[in-house]
Amino acid sequence: MQRVADVIAAGQQDGSVMRMPPNALARLIIGMSTEVVRWFDAGAGLSIEEMADYVAQVAINGVRADPPLAS
């Protein structure tokens, strides 16, 4: 976990990562990533590769649409 927190802290220094305690953000990302195995169902329409890509996108970009989606 410390390696992830260190990468986050470096990103915070250069302004590319949001301000939040690095250890907390690292735990959130790691928790999200590791919990997928509890509920992922390969027969439900997504491949493991697609799910891994979605997890990476959310970890890097969050869930905000850019530009915002029309309502």
Protein backbone atom coordinates (compact mmCIF):
# COMPACT_ATOMS: atom_id res chain seq x y z
CA MET A 1 0.00 0.00 0.00
CA GLN A 2 2.82 2.40 0.76
CA ARG A 3 4.07 2.27 -2.83
CA VAL A 4 0.62 3.32 -4.10
CA ALA A 5 0.45 6.10 -1.48
CA ASP A 6 3.90 7.31 -2.58
CA VAL A 7 2.79 7.49 -6.22
CA ILE A 8 -0.32 9.40 -5.14
CA ALA A 9 1.77 11.83 -3.06
CA ALA A 10 4.05 12.45 -6.04
CA GLY A 11 1.01 13.16 -8.20
CA GLN A 12 -0.30 15.55 -5.58
CA GLN A 13 3.01 17.41 -5.67
CA ASP A 14 2.76 17.97 -9.41
CA GLY A 15 -0.96 18.74 -9.27
CA SER A 16 -2.17 15.71 -11.23
CA VAL A 17 -3.86 13.97 -8.29
CA MET A 18 -6.60 15.36 -6.04
CA ARG A 19 -5.77 16.50 -2.54
CA MET A 20 -6.71 13.83 -0.03
CA PRO A 21 -4.50 12.01 2.47
CA PRO A 22 -2.40 9.71 0.24
CA ASN A 23 -2.87 6.68 2.51
CA ALA A 24 -6.66 7.12 2.50
CA LEU A 25 -6.76 7.46 -1.28
CA ALA A 26 -4.48 4.44 -1.69
CA ARG A 27 -6.76 2.34 0.53
CA LEU A 28 -9.82 3.42 -1.47
CA ILE A 29 -8.22 2.49 -4.79
CA ILE A 30 -6.82 -0.81 -3.53
CA GLY A 31 -10.10 -1.70 -1.82
CA MET A 32 -12.11 -0.99 -4.96
CA SER A 33 -9.70 -3.05 -7.03
CA THR A 34 -9.54 -6.08 -4.77
CA GLU A 35 -13.26 -6.31 -4.03
CA VAL A 36 -14.11 -6.99 -7.68
CA VAL A 37 -13.25 -10.66 -7.18
CA ARG A 38 -16.08 -11.00 -4.65
CA TRP A 39 -18.85 -10.14 -7.09
CA PHE A 40 -17.46 -10.34 -10.63
CA ASP A 41 -19.35 -12.84 -12.81
CA ALA A 42 -17.63 -13.65 -16.09
CA GLY A 43 -20.93 -14.96 -17.47
CA ALA A 44 -22.72 -11.64 -16.95
CA GLY A 45 -21.57 -9.98 -20.16
CA LEU A 46 -18.21 -8.38 -19.32
CA SER A 47 -14.82 -9.96 -19.71
CA ILE A 48 -12.27 -9.73 -16.92
CA GLU A 49 -10.18 -7.53 -19.22
CA GLU A 50 -13.08 -5.10 -19.68
CA MET A 51 -13.70 -5.00 -15.93
CA ALA A 52 -10.00 -4.39 -15.25
CA ASP A 53 -10.09 -1.48 -17.70
CA TYR A 54 -13.17 -0.01 -15.99
CA VAL A 55 -11.55 -0.31 -12.56
CA ALA A 56 -8.42 1.42 -13.84
CA GLN A 57 -10.47 4.21 -15.45
CA VAL A 58 -12.41 4.85 -12.23
CA ALA A 59 -9.23 4.73 -10.14
CA ILE A 60 -7.54 7.28 -12.39
CA ASN A 61 -10.46 9.50 -13.44
CA GLY A 62 -13.13 9.00 -10.81
CA VAL A 63 -16.74 8.78 -11.91
CA ARG A 64 -17.21 12.32 -13.20
CA ALA A 65 -18.05 12.63 -16.89
CA ASP A 66 -15.84 15.08 -18.74
CA PRO A 67 -17.54 16.96 -20.21
CA PRO A 68 -20.59 16.50 -17.97
CA LEU A 69 -23.30 14.31 -19.45
CA ALA A 70 -26.55 16.00 -20.42
CA SER A 71 -29.45 15.21 -18.09
